[in-house]
Amino acid sequence: MTHIFDCRVYYEDTDMAGIVYYANYLKFIERGRSTLVRDAGIDQNALKDQGLVFAVLTVNANYHAPARLDDMLRVETKLAYMSRTKITFDQRVFRGDKMLFSSEITVIFMTTAGRPTRLPDEIKTKLQQFAA
């Protein structure tokens, strides 16, 4: 199942040319992933209280077309791969039917001390519904 997150482009998201500043696409997809995790029933604050967090390991980003002020964007997120400690998400940003941005993001599950650790089975089960 694909997870959908909608957002609008605000003035603060744009550069001097009036298009979305390239780094802000990372903010949009972060919001999409965070919302997916919340919608899956995973409480990241409770995990942090247990000393566990998600952290981005790699980002592969491709820019296809610009978004502009006041555009309504749709962030689509799918779980592409999951191992004992890593999750890879395919994420795309659309304006209507036009793809503006695509990415592959790998996150790791780790302790707040910075050591990778296994994903609990409960989290894996909750995320599996978003598998591509």
Protein backbone atom coordinates (compact mmCIF):
# COMPACT_ATOMS: atom_id res chain seq x y z
CA MET A 1 0.00 0.00 0.00
CA THR A 2 1.21 3.51 -0.80
CA HIS A 3 1.09 6.07 1.98
CA ILE A 4 -0.08 9.55 0.92
CA PHE A 5 0.84 12.84 2.59
CA ASP A 6 -0.42 16.13 1.12
CA CYS A 7 1.26 19.48 1.67
CA ARG A 8 1.23 22.99 0.23
CA VAL A 9 4.25 25.01 -0.90
CA TYR A 10 4.65 28.15 1.19
CA TYR A 11 6.77 31.23 0.51
CA GLU A 12 9.37 30.00 3.01
CA ASP A 13 9.85 26.86 0.87
CA THR A 14 10.93 28.79 -2.22
CA ASP A 15 14.17 30.36 -3.40
CA MET A 16 14.69 33.74 -5.07
CA ALA A 17 13.48 32.32 -8.38
CA GLY A 18 10.13 31.41 -6.79
CA ILE A 19 10.63 27.65 -7.01
CA VAL A 20 11.00 25.18 -4.17
CA TYR A 21 14.55 25.24 -2.84
CA TYR A 22 16.08 21.82 -3.54
CA ALA A 23 16.75 20.91 0.12
CA ASN A 24 13.11 21.47 1.06
CA TYR A 25 12.07 18.35 -0.83
CA LEU A 26 13.91 16.47 1.93
CA LYS A 27 11.63 18.18 4.46
CA PHE A 28 8.54 17.17 2.49
CA ILE A 29 9.57 13.52 2.31
CA GLU A 30 10.61 13.51 5.99
CA ARG A 31 7.09 14.64 6.86
CA GLY A 32 5.73 11.89 4.64
CA ARG A 33 7.82 9.21 6.38
CA SER A 34 7.04 10.56 9.85
CA THR A 35 3.33 10.55 9.07
CA LEU A 36 3.57 7.00 7.70
CA VAL A 37 5.24 5.82 10.93
CA ARG A 38 2.54 7.57 13.01
CA ASP A 39 -0.26 6.16 10.81
CA ALA A 40 1.26 2.68 11.25
CA GLY A 41 0.68 3.04 14.99
CA ILE A 42 4.31 3.61 15.98
CA ASP A 43 4.90 6.23 18.68
CA GLN A 44 8.36 7.69 18.06
CA ASN A 45 8.30 9.59 21.36
CA ALA A 46 7.68 6.35 23.25
CA LEU A 47 10.52 4.70 21.32
CA LYS A 48 12.85 7.56 22.21
CA ASP A 49 11.88 7.17 25.87
CA GLN A 50 13.08 3.56 25.49
CA GLY A 51 16.36 4.79 24.00
CA LEU A 52 15.50 3.85 20.39
CA VAL A 53 15.26 6.04 17.26
CA PHE A 54 15.19 5.98 13.47
CA ALA A 55 18.03 7.79 11.65
CA VAL A 56 18.62 8.45 7.96
CA LEU A 57 21.58 6.49 6.59
CA THR A 58 21.46 7.30 2.86
CA VAL A 59 19.53 9.55 0.49
CA ASN A 60 19.38 9.16 -3.27
CA ALA A 61 17.47 12.13 -4.72
CA ASN A 62 16.36 12.97 -8.26
CA TYR A 63 14.79 16.27 -9.29
CA HIS A 64 12.44 16.06 -12.28
CA ALA A 65 10.54 19.38 -12.38
CA PRO A 66 10.13 22.41 -10.12
CA ALA A 67 7.34 23.03 -7.62
CA ARG A 68 6.25 26.62 -7.10
CA LEU A 69 4.62 28.80 -4.48
CA ASP A 70 1.11 27.64 -3.48
CA ASP A 71 1.34 24.30 -5.32
CA MET A 72 -0.43 21.40 -3.64
CA LEU A 73 1.97 18.48 -3.44
CA ARG A 74 1.40 14.80 -2.80
CA VAL A 75 4.17 12.79 -1.15
CA GLU A 76 3.87 9.07 -1.88
CA THR A 77 5.85 6.67 0.30
CA LYS A 78 6.29 2.91 -0.08
CA LEU A 79 8.39 0.52 1.94
CA ALA A 80 10.81 -0.99 -0.58
CA TYR A 81 13.00 -3.16 1.66
CA MET A 82 13.30 -4.09 5.32
CA SER A 83 16.07 -6.02 7.07
CA ARG A 84 16.80 -6.58 10.75
CA THR A 85 18.20 -3.04 11.17
CA LYS A 86 17.46 -1.08 7.98
CA ILE A 87 14.40 0.13 6.07
CA THR A 88 14.47 1.53 2.55
CA PHE A 89 11.62 3.75 1.40
CA ASP A 90 10.77 4.80 -2.15
CA GLN A 91 9.34 8.31 -2.04
CA ARG A 92 7.96 10.52 -4.77
CA VAL A 93 6.57 14.05 -4.80
CA PHE A 94 3.82 14.92 -7.28
CA ARG A 95 1.87 17.99 -8.34
CA GLY A 96 -1.26 16.41 -9.76
CA ASP A 97 -0.04 13.62 -12.06
CA LYS A 98 3.38 15.18 -12.68
CA MET A 99 6.28 13.68 -10.72
CA LEU A 100 8.56 16.46 -9.46
CA PHE A 101 10.96 14.54 -7.23
CA SER A 102 11.87 10.91 -6.54
CA SER A 103 14.08 9.42 -3.88
CA GLU A 104 15.26 6.29 -2.15
CA ILE A 105 15.87 6.77 1.57
CA THR A 106 17.44 4.19 3.85
CA VAL A 107 16.94 4.57 7.59
CA ILE A 108 18.44 2.54 10.39
CA PHE A 109 17.01 1.68 13.77
CA MET A 110 19.46 2.53 16.53
CA THR A 111 19.89 3.33 20.18
CA THR A 112 20.11 6.96 21.29
CA ALA A 113 23.77 6.17 22.00
CA GLY A 114 24.24 5.69 18.24
CA ARG A 115 24.50 1.89 17.99
CA PRO A 116 22.46 0.09 15.30
CA THR A 117 19.99 -2.36 16.77
CA ARG A 118 17.37 -4.78 15.50
CA LEU A 119 13.91 -3.62 14.54
CA PRO A 120 11.41 -5.11 16.98
CA ASP A 121 9.04 -7.59 15.31
CA GLU A 122 6.08 -5.41 16.34
CA ILE A 123 7.46 -2.46 14.36
CA LYS A 124 8.24 -4.64 11.34
CA THR A 125 4.68 -5.97 11.38
CA LYS A 126 3.17 -2.49 11.61
CA LEU A 127 5.29 -1.17 8.73
CA GLN A 128 4.71 -4.18 6.46
CA GLN A 129 1.33 -2.78 5.35
CA PHE A 130 3.22 -0.12 3.38
CA ALA A 131 5.40 -2.61 1.46
CA ALA A 132 5.55 -2.02 -2.29
